[in-house]
Amino acid sequence: MWYQTGVCRNGLFLAVAVLYIVTGCGAPGTSTETSTAATSTVKPQLNPAKISRVRNELPAGYEVADIVGSASPAAFWGFKPGWVTEPPQCGVLAGPVSDDATTKGWSGSGPGGIVHALVTGSPTSPVTLDPVLQAECGQWTVMSGNTTGTVNLIGAPAIDGATTVGMDTRAVTVVEGGTETASAAYTFSAYFADYLAFVTVVTDPGSPNPPLGQEFAADLLVKTVSALRG
């Protein structure tokens, strides 16, 4: 589950304990507010520029460049602006709201595929995730021009104080003459402290080189969040 149910007992964060003292212990239906209070104190300590630290996790021989401006998982999957999703509400997973002022990231290219790591957030419009999307977007499609992709939600690594989501995307592009090209991508996202960090690994199924794959992408997200908080 993406959201933990808050209860009043020993072991909760100090901010949560204070909240229950004021409002009353054990009140049902307060898990969302409790989660916000517990994580909001982290935000002033978060420095998006620290995402550059996880470049060192790439295998040797990768070429790395900074990401300039906002970006999205859909863009990394190979979909051009104007892409649409079915059902429509799942589009927020492929193109979350971002803020150019706080967006930092990098891309690395090498034999095992293309790796993207990015963090974004907005002080005035917190980046959050509607929990109902878990039920509504177990599988969905994204389309742009001659490219169509199928997205499946997959298990994401647990990160303390964050809501995490995993996506497995398989895209097919029909090129001139009817030839099809395929790509596979794993994206893992973490929503925390009014920020969103996500890692995408894109591979070519026809490549002779071993792909970095799902496990690498999930592990890199954990290390990315750790670096941003550190």
C-alpha atoms as a PDB file:
ATOM      1  CA  MET A   1       0.000   0.000   0.000  1.00  0.00           C
ATOM      2  CA  TRP A   2       1.224   3.489  -0.719  1.00  0.00           C
ATOM      3  CA  TYR A   3      -0.159   5.137   2.375  1.00  0.00           C
ATOM      4  CA  GLN A   4       0.314   3.921   5.942  1.00  0.00           C
ATOM      5  CA  THR A   5      -2.513   4.261   8.408  1.00  0.00           C
ATOM      6  CA  GLY A   6      -1.543   6.498  11.301  1.00  0.00           C
ATOM      7  CA  VAL A   7      -2.216   5.282  14.851  1.00  0.00           C
ATOM      8  CA  CYS A   8      -1.235   6.694  18.196  1.00  0.00           C
ATOM      9  CA  ARG A   9       1.424   4.541  19.798  1.00  0.00           C
ATOM     10  CA  ASN A  10       5.107   4.601  20.720  1.00  0.00           C
ATOM     11  CA  GLY A  11       7.596   4.779  17.851  1.00  0.00           C
ATOM     12  CA  LEU A  12       5.911   7.505  15.764  1.00  0.00           C
ATOM     13  CA  PHE A  13       7.818  10.569  14.696  1.00  0.00           C
ATOM     14  CA  LEU A  14       7.900  13.407  17.255  1.00  0.00           C
ATOM     15  CA  ALA A  15       5.828  15.668  14.961  1.00  0.00           C
ATOM     16  CA  VAL A  16       3.075  13.055  14.887  1.00  0.00           C
ATOM     17  CA  ALA A  17       3.109  12.646  18.659  1.00  0.00           C
ATOM     18  CA  VAL A  18       2.674  16.401  19.102  1.00  0.00           C
ATOM     19  CA  LEU A  19      -0.238  16.416  16.659  1.00  0.00           C
ATOM     20  CA  TYR A  20      -2.115  13.773  18.646  1.00  0.00           C
ATOM     21  CA  ILE A  21      -1.554  15.607  21.910  1.00  0.00           C
ATOM     22  CA  VAL A  22      -3.294  18.640  20.430  1.00  0.00           C
ATOM     23  CA  THR A  23      -6.121  16.944  18.531  1.00  0.00           C
ATOM     24  CA  GLY A  24      -6.737  13.831  20.621  1.00  0.00           C
ATOM     25  CA  CYS A  25      -5.306  10.345  20.398  1.00  0.00           C
ATOM     26  CA  GLY A  26      -6.677   7.630  18.157  1.00  0.00           C
ATOM     27  CA  ALA A  27      -8.998   9.765  16.029  1.00  0.00           C
ATOM     28  CA  PRO A  28      -9.869   7.801  12.872  1.00  0.00           C
ATOM     29  CA  GLY A  29      -9.301   9.135   9.392  1.00  0.00           C
ATOM     30  CA  THR A  30      -6.287  11.295  10.242  1.00  0.00           C
ATOM     31  CA  SER A  31      -3.565   9.315   8.462  1.00  0.00           C
ATOM     32  CA  THR A  32      -3.167  11.791   5.580  1.00  0.00           C
ATOM     33  CA  GLU A  33      -2.811  14.805   7.863  1.00  0.00           C
ATOM     34  CA  THR A  34      -0.422  12.900  10.110  1.00  0.00           C
ATOM     35  CA  SER A  35       1.792  11.919   7.176  1.00  0.00           C
ATOM     36  CA  THR A  36       1.971  15.539   5.991  1.00  0.00           C
ATOM     37  CA  ALA A  37       2.940  16.793   9.433  1.00  0.00           C
ATOM     38  CA  ALA A  38       5.610  14.132   9.809  1.00  0.00           C
ATOM     39  CA  THR A  39       7.314  14.825   6.485  1.00  0.00           C
ATOM     40  CA  SER A  40       6.891  18.588   6.099  1.00  0.00           C
ATOM     41  CA  THR A  41       9.685  19.297   8.577  1.00  0.00           C
ATOM     42  CA  VAL A  42      12.145  17.561   6.243  1.00  0.00           C
ATOM     43  CA  LYS A  43      11.645  19.958   3.350  1.00  0.00           C
ATOM     44  CA  PRO A  44      13.843  22.877   4.521  1.00  0.00           C
ATOM     45  CA  GLN A  45      16.784  20.446   4.750  1.00  0.00           C
ATOM     46  CA  LEU A  46      16.342  19.031   1.253  1.00  0.00           C
ATOM     47  CA  ASN A  47      18.748  20.302  -1.399  1.00  0.00           C
ATOM     48  CA  PRO A  48      17.771  19.227  -4.964  1.00  0.00           C
ATOM     49  CA  ALA A  49      21.343  19.822  -6.165  1.00  0.00           C
ATOM     50  CA  LYS A  50      22.479  16.818  -4.113  1.00  0.00           C
ATOM     51  CA  ILE A  51      20.979  14.516  -6.735  1.00  0.00           C
ATOM     52  CA  SER A  52      24.297  14.819  -8.571  1.00  0.00           C
ATOM     53  CA  ARG A  53      25.860  12.618  -5.883  1.00  0.00           C
ATOM     54  CA  VAL A  54      24.204   9.467  -7.220  1.00  0.00           C
ATOM     55  CA  ARG A  55      25.940   9.754 -10.584  1.00  0.00           C
ATOM     56  CA  ASN A  56      28.673   7.671  -8.987  1.00  0.00           C
ATOM     57  CA  GLU A  57      26.278   4.704  -8.904  1.00  0.00           C
ATOM     58  CA  LEU A  58      26.442   4.339 -12.693  1.00  0.00           C
ATOM     59  CA  PRO A  59      28.646   1.623 -14.164  1.00  0.00           C
ATOM     60  CA  ALA A  60      32.004   2.666 -15.577  1.00  0.00           C
ATOM     61  CA  GLY A  61      31.974   4.155 -19.051  1.00  0.00           C
ATOM     62  CA  TYR A  62      28.687   6.052 -18.840  1.00  0.00           C
ATOM     63  CA  GLU A  63      28.428   9.526 -20.320  1.00  0.00           C
ATOM     64  CA  VAL A  64      26.455  11.889 -18.062  1.00  0.00           C
ATOM     65  CA  ALA A  65      24.798  15.249 -18.723  1.00  0.00           C
ATOM     66  CA  ASP A  66      22.601  17.550 -16.638  1.00  0.00           C
ATOM     67  CA  ILE A  67      18.862  17.740 -17.306  1.00  0.00           C
ATOM     68  CA  VAL A  68      17.895  21.333 -18.059  1.00  0.00           C
ATOM     69  CA  GLY A  69      14.367  22.463 -17.149  1.00  0.00           C
ATOM     70  CA  SER A  70      11.405  20.292 -16.284  1.00  0.00           C
ATOM     71  CA  ALA A  71      11.024  16.733 -17.535  1.00  0.00           C
ATOM     72  CA  SER A  72       8.698  13.773 -17.052  1.00  0.00           C
ATOM     73  CA  PRO A  73       8.695   9.971 -17.155  1.00  0.00           C
ATOM     74  CA  ALA A  74       6.670  10.084 -20.396  1.00  0.00           C
ATOM     75  CA  ALA A  75       9.373  12.176 -22.067  1.00  0.00           C
ATOM     76  CA  PHE A  76      12.015   9.692 -20.954  1.00  0.00           C
ATOM     77  CA  TRP A  77       9.875   6.837 -22.291  1.00  0.00           C
ATOM     78  CA  GLY A  78      10.082   8.466 -25.738  1.00  0.00           C
ATOM     79  CA  PHE A  79       6.694  10.203 -25.950  1.00  0.00           C
ATOM     80  CA  LYS A  80       6.528  13.639 -27.545  1.00  0.00           C
ATOM     81  CA  PRO A  81       4.585  16.613 -26.107  1.00  0.00           C
ATOM     82  CA  GLY A  82       0.850  16.178 -26.508  1.00  0.00           C
ATOM     83  CA  TRP A  83       0.799  12.549 -25.377  1.00  0.00           C
ATOM     84  CA  VAL A  84      -2.443  11.228 -23.876  1.00  0.00           C
ATOM     85  CA  THR A  85      -3.303   8.365 -21.544  1.00  0.00           C
ATOM     86  CA  GLU A  86      -6.205   5.983 -21.170  1.00  0.00           C
ATOM     87  CA  PRO A  87      -7.684   6.238 -18.628  1.00  0.00           C
ATOM     88  CA  PRO A  88      -6.951   9.992 -18.501  1.00  0.00           C
ATOM     89  CA  GLN A  89      -6.391  10.216 -14.737  1.00  0.00           C
ATOM     90  CA  CYS A  90      -3.305   8.003 -15.004  1.00  0.00           C
ATOM     91  CA  GLY A  91      -1.506  10.775 -16.896  1.00  0.00           C
ATOM     92  CA  VAL A  92      -0.326  12.333 -13.635  1.00  0.00           C
ATOM     93  CA  LEU A  93       1.944   9.317 -13.137  1.00  0.00           C
ATOM     94  CA  ALA A  94       3.561   9.896 -16.541  1.00  0.00           C
ATOM     95  CA  GLY A  95       3.720  13.685 -16.304  1.00  0.00           C
ATOM     96  CA  PRO A  96       3.552  14.999 -12.745  1.00  0.00           C
ATOM     97  CA  VAL A  97       3.453  18.727 -12.066  1.00  0.00           C
ATOM     98  CA  SER A  98       6.997  20.095 -11.872  1.00  0.00           C
ATOM     99  CA  ASP A  99       8.662  23.370 -11.046  1.00  0.00           C
ATOM    100  CA  ASP A 100      11.622  24.531 -13.130  1.00  0.00           C
ATOM    101  CA  ALA A 101      13.051  26.454 -10.167  1.00  0.00           C
ATOM    102  CA  THR A 102      13.455  23.315  -8.070  1.00  0.00           C
ATOM    103  CA  THR A 103      13.982  20.691 -10.789  1.00  0.00           C
ATOM    104  CA  LYS A 104      17.425  19.121 -10.847  1.00  0.00           C
ATOM    105  CA  GLY A 105      18.623  15.954 -12.512  1.00  0.00           C
ATOM    106  CA  TRP A 106      20.917  14.157 -14.864  1.00  0.00           C
ATOM    107  CA  SER A 107      20.924  11.537 -17.631  1.00  0.00           C
ATOM    108  CA  GLY A 108      23.524   8.872 -18.247  1.00  0.00           C
ATOM    109  CA  SER A 109      24.000   6.783 -21.383  1.00  0.00           C
ATOM    110  CA  GLY A 110      25.947   3.564 -21.659  1.00  0.00           C
ATOM    111  CA  PRO A 111      25.885  -0.104 -22.742  1.00  0.00           C
ATOM    112  CA  GLY A 112      23.187  -1.093 -20.248  1.00  0.00           C
ATOM    113  CA  GLY A 113      20.694   1.573 -21.306  1.00  0.00           C
ATOM    114  CA  ILE A 114      19.839   5.191 -20.564  1.00  0.00           C
ATOM    115  CA  VAL A 115      19.418   6.282 -16.955  1.00  0.00           C
ATOM    116  CA  HIS A 116      17.529   9.392 -15.824  1.00  0.00           C
ATOM    117  CA  ALA A 117      17.361  10.698 -12.259  1.00  0.00           C
ATOM    118  CA  LEU A 118      15.339  13.797 -11.388  1.00  0.00           C
ATOM    119  CA  VAL A 119      13.846  15.640  -8.426  1.00  0.00           C
ATOM    120  CA  THR A 120      11.194  18.346  -8.599  1.00  0.00           C
ATOM    121  CA  GLY A 121       8.910  20.180  -6.221  1.00  0.00           C
ATOM    122  CA  SER A 122       6.971  23.359  -5.621  1.00  0.00           C
ATOM    123  CA  PRO A 123       6.764  25.313  -2.356  1.00  0.00           C
ATOM    124  CA  THR A 124       3.309  26.649  -3.308  1.00  0.00           C
ATOM    125  CA  SER A 125       1.877  23.498  -4.921  1.00  0.00           C
ATOM    126  CA  PRO A 126       3.069  20.400  -3.024  1.00  0.00           C
ATOM    127  CA  VAL A 127       3.699  17.341  -5.195  1.00  0.00           C
ATOM    128  CA  THR A 128       1.407  14.634  -3.839  1.00  0.00           C
ATOM    129  CA  LEU A 129      -0.170  11.440  -5.127  1.00  0.00           C
ATOM    130  CA  ASP A 130      -3.860  10.545  -4.972  1.00  0.00           C
ATOM    131  CA  PRO A 131      -4.022   7.053  -3.411  1.00  0.00           C
ATOM    132  CA  VAL A 132      -6.998   5.992  -5.578  1.00  0.00           C
ATOM    133  CA  LEU A 133      -4.657   5.852  -8.590  1.00  0.00           C
ATOM    134  CA  GLN A 134      -3.288   2.582  -7.278  1.00  0.00           C
ATOM    135  CA  ALA A 135      -6.637   0.917  -7.957  1.00  0.00           C
ATOM    136  CA  GLU A 136      -7.479   2.809 -11.151  1.00  0.00           C
ATOM    137  CA  CYS A 137      -4.094   2.625 -12.886  1.00  0.00           C
ATOM    138  CA  GLY A 138      -2.887  -0.927 -12.422  1.00  0.00           C
ATOM    139  CA  GLN A 139      -2.516  -1.065 -16.209  1.00  0.00           C
ATOM    140  CA  TRP A 140      -2.972   1.807 -18.654  1.00  0.00           C
ATOM    141  CA  THR A 141      -1.807   3.085 -22.023  1.00  0.00           C
ATOM    142  CA  VAL A 142       0.024   6.186 -23.213  1.00  0.00           C
ATOM    143  CA  MET A 143       0.024   7.378 -26.822  1.00  0.00           C
ATOM    144  CA  SER A 144       1.748  10.011 -28.935  1.00  0.00           C
ATOM    145  CA  GLY A 145       1.971  10.046 -32.732  1.00  0.00           C
ATOM    146  CA  ASN A 146       3.134   6.639 -33.913  1.00  0.00           C
ATOM    147  CA  THR A 147       4.202   5.503 -30.446  1.00  0.00           C
ATOM    148  CA  THR A 148       2.002   3.494 -28.098  1.00  0.00           C
ATOM    149  CA  GLY A 149       2.991   2.233 -24.682  1.00  0.00           C
ATOM    150  CA  THR A 150       1.517  -0.089 -22.072  1.00  0.00           C
ATOM    151  CA  VAL A 151       2.237   0.769 -18.445  1.00  0.00           C
ATOM    152  CA  ASN A 152       1.891  -1.665 -15.560  1.00  0.00           C
ATOM    153  CA  LEU A 153       2.278  -0.717 -11.918  1.00  0.00           C
ATOM    154  CA  ILE A 154       4.893  -2.876 -10.209  1.00  0.00           C
ATOM    155  CA  GLY A 155       6.236  -3.194  -6.695  1.00  0.00           C
ATOM    156  CA  ALA A 156       8.350  -0.253  -5.559  1.00  0.00           C
ATOM    157  CA  PRO A 157      11.010  -0.145  -2.841  1.00  0.00           C
ATOM    158  CA  ALA A 158       9.844   0.969   0.595  1.00  0.00           C
ATOM    159  CA  ILE A 159      11.353   4.293   1.663  1.00  0.00           C
ATOM    160  CA  ASP A 160      10.724   5.657   5.139  1.00  0.00           C
ATOM    161  CA  GLY A 161       8.516   8.754   5.063  1.00  0.00           C
ATOM    162  CA  ALA A 162       7.751   8.482   1.349  1.00  0.00           C
ATOM    163  CA  THR A 163       5.056   7.131  -0.971  1.00  0.00           C
ATOM    164  CA  THR A 164       6.665   5.060  -3.724  1.00  0.00           C
ATOM    165  CA  VAL A 165       5.371   3.885  -7.098  1.00  0.00           C
ATOM    166  CA  GLY A 166       6.865   1.549  -9.694  1.00  0.00           C
ATOM    167  CA  MET A 167       6.015   1.455 -13.413  1.00  0.00           C
ATOM    168  CA  ASP A 168       7.000  -0.999 -16.137  1.00  0.00           C
ATOM    169  CA  THR A 169       6.512   0.586 -19.591  1.00  0.00           C
ATOM    170  CA  ARG A 170       6.723  -1.193 -22.935  1.00  0.00           C
ATOM    171  CA  ALA A 171       6.546   1.124 -25.927  1.00  0.00           C
ATOM    172  CA  VAL A 172       6.303   0.388 -29.650  1.00  0.00           C
ATOM    173  CA  THR A 173       6.919   2.938 -32.408  1.00  0.00           C
ATOM    174  CA  VAL A 174       5.833   2.330 -35.998  1.00  0.00           C
ATOM    175  CA  VAL A 175       8.367   3.929 -38.329  1.00  0.00           C
ATOM    176  CA  GLU A 176       8.436   4.447 -42.082  1.00  0.00           C
ATOM    177  CA  GLY A 177       7.556   1.325 -44.040  1.00  0.00           C
ATOM    178  CA  GLY A 178       5.677  -0.204 -41.125  1.00  0.00           C
ATOM    179  CA  THR A 179       8.796  -1.264 -39.237  1.00  0.00           C
ATOM    180  CA  GLU A 180       8.368  -1.359 -35.471  1.00  0.00           C
ATOM    181  CA  THR A 181      10.925  -0.408 -32.848  1.00  0.00           C
ATOM    182  CA  ALA A 182      10.479  -1.374 -29.210  1.00  0.00           C
ATOM    183  CA  SER A 183      11.787  -0.077 -25.911  1.00  0.00           C
ATOM    184  CA  ALA A 184      11.381  -1.052 -22.279  1.00  0.00           C
ATOM    185  CA  ALA A 185      11.531   1.284 -19.290  1.00  0.00           C
ATOM    186  CA  TYR A 186      11.383   0.970 -15.522  1.00  0.00           C
ATOM    187  CA  THR A 187      10.418   4.051 -13.550  1.00  0.00           C
ATOM    188  CA  PHE A 188      10.375   4.297  -9.764  1.00  0.00           C
ATOM    189  CA  SER A 189       9.027   7.414  -8.068  1.00  0.00           C
ATOM    190  CA  ALA A 190       9.087   8.666  -4.465  1.00  0.00           C
ATOM    191  CA  TYR A 191       6.770  11.395  -3.164  1.00  0.00           C
ATOM    192  CA  PHE A 192       8.154  12.950   0.024  1.00  0.00           C
ATOM    193  CA  ALA A 193       8.478  16.296   1.804  1.00  0.00           C
ATOM    194  CA  ASP A 194       6.506  18.053  -0.981  1.00  0.00           C
ATOM    195  CA  TYR A 195       8.993  16.788  -3.562  1.00  0.00           C
ATOM    196  CA  LEU A 196       8.986  14.064  -6.172  1.00  0.00           C
ATOM    197  CA  ALA A 197      12.098  12.112  -7.090  1.00  0.00           C
ATOM    198  CA  PHE A 198      12.059   9.553  -9.860  1.00  0.00           C
ATOM    199  CA  VAL A 199      14.494   7.283 -11.653  1.00  0.00           C
ATOM    200  CA  THR A 200      13.910   5.853 -15.139  1.00  0.00           C
ATOM    201  CA  VAL A 201      16.015   3.226 -16.870  1.00  0.00           C
ATOM    202  CA  VAL A 202      15.294   2.781 -20.598  1.00  0.00           C
ATOM    203  CA  THR A 203      16.647  -0.246 -22.439  1.00  0.00           C
ATOM    204  CA  ASP A 204      16.603  -1.621 -25.958  1.00  0.00           C
ATOM    205  CA  PRO A 205      15.251  -5.204 -25.914  1.00  0.00           C
ATOM    206  CA  GLY A 206      17.339  -5.967 -29.001  1.00  0.00           C
ATOM    207  CA  SER A 207      20.638  -4.818 -27.525  1.00  0.00           C
ATOM    208  CA  PRO A 208      23.355  -7.479 -27.102  1.00  0.00           C
ATOM    209  CA  ASN A 209      24.498  -5.831 -23.853  1.00  0.00           C
ATOM    210  CA  PRO A 210      23.022  -6.851 -20.481  1.00  0.00           C
ATOM    211  CA  PRO A 211      20.436  -4.216 -19.425  1.00  0.00           C
ATOM    212  CA  LEU A 212      20.620  -2.427 -16.090  1.00  0.00           C
ATOM    213  CA  GLY A 213      16.959  -3.267 -15.530  1.00  0.00           C
ATOM    214  CA  GLN A 214      14.371  -3.134 -12.770  1.00  0.00           C
ATOM    215  CA  GLU A 215      16.527  -3.894  -9.745  1.00  0.00           C
ATOM    216  CA  PHE A 216      19.085  -1.248 -10.660  1.00  0.00           C
ATOM    217  CA  ALA A 217      16.382   1.393 -11.127  1.00  0.00           C
ATOM    218  CA  ALA A 218      14.684   0.586  -7.807  1.00  0.00           C
ATOM    219  CA  ASP A 219      17.971   0.626  -5.913  1.00  0.00           C
ATOM    220  CA  LEU A 220      18.980   3.922  -7.522  1.00  0.00           C
ATOM    221  CA  LEU A 221      15.742   5.563  -6.330  1.00  0.00           C
ATOM    222  CA  VAL A 222      16.506   4.576  -2.734  1.00  0.00           C
ATOM    223  CA  LYS A 223      20.007   6.011  -3.045  1.00  0.00           C
ATOM    224  CA  THR A 224      18.661   9.163  -4.694  1.00  0.00           C
ATOM    225  CA  VAL A 225      16.254   9.924  -1.859  1.00  0.00           C
ATOM    226  CA  SER A 226      18.985   9.207   0.674  1.00  0.00           C
ATOM    227  CA  ALA A 227      21.345  11.633  -1.089  1.00  0.00           C
ATOM    228  CA  LEU A 228      18.705  14.352  -1.258  1.00  0.00           C
ATOM    229  CA  ARG A 229      17.989  14.044   2.454  1.00  0.00           C
ATOM    230  CA  GLY A 230      21.622  13.831   3.437  1.00  0.00           C
END
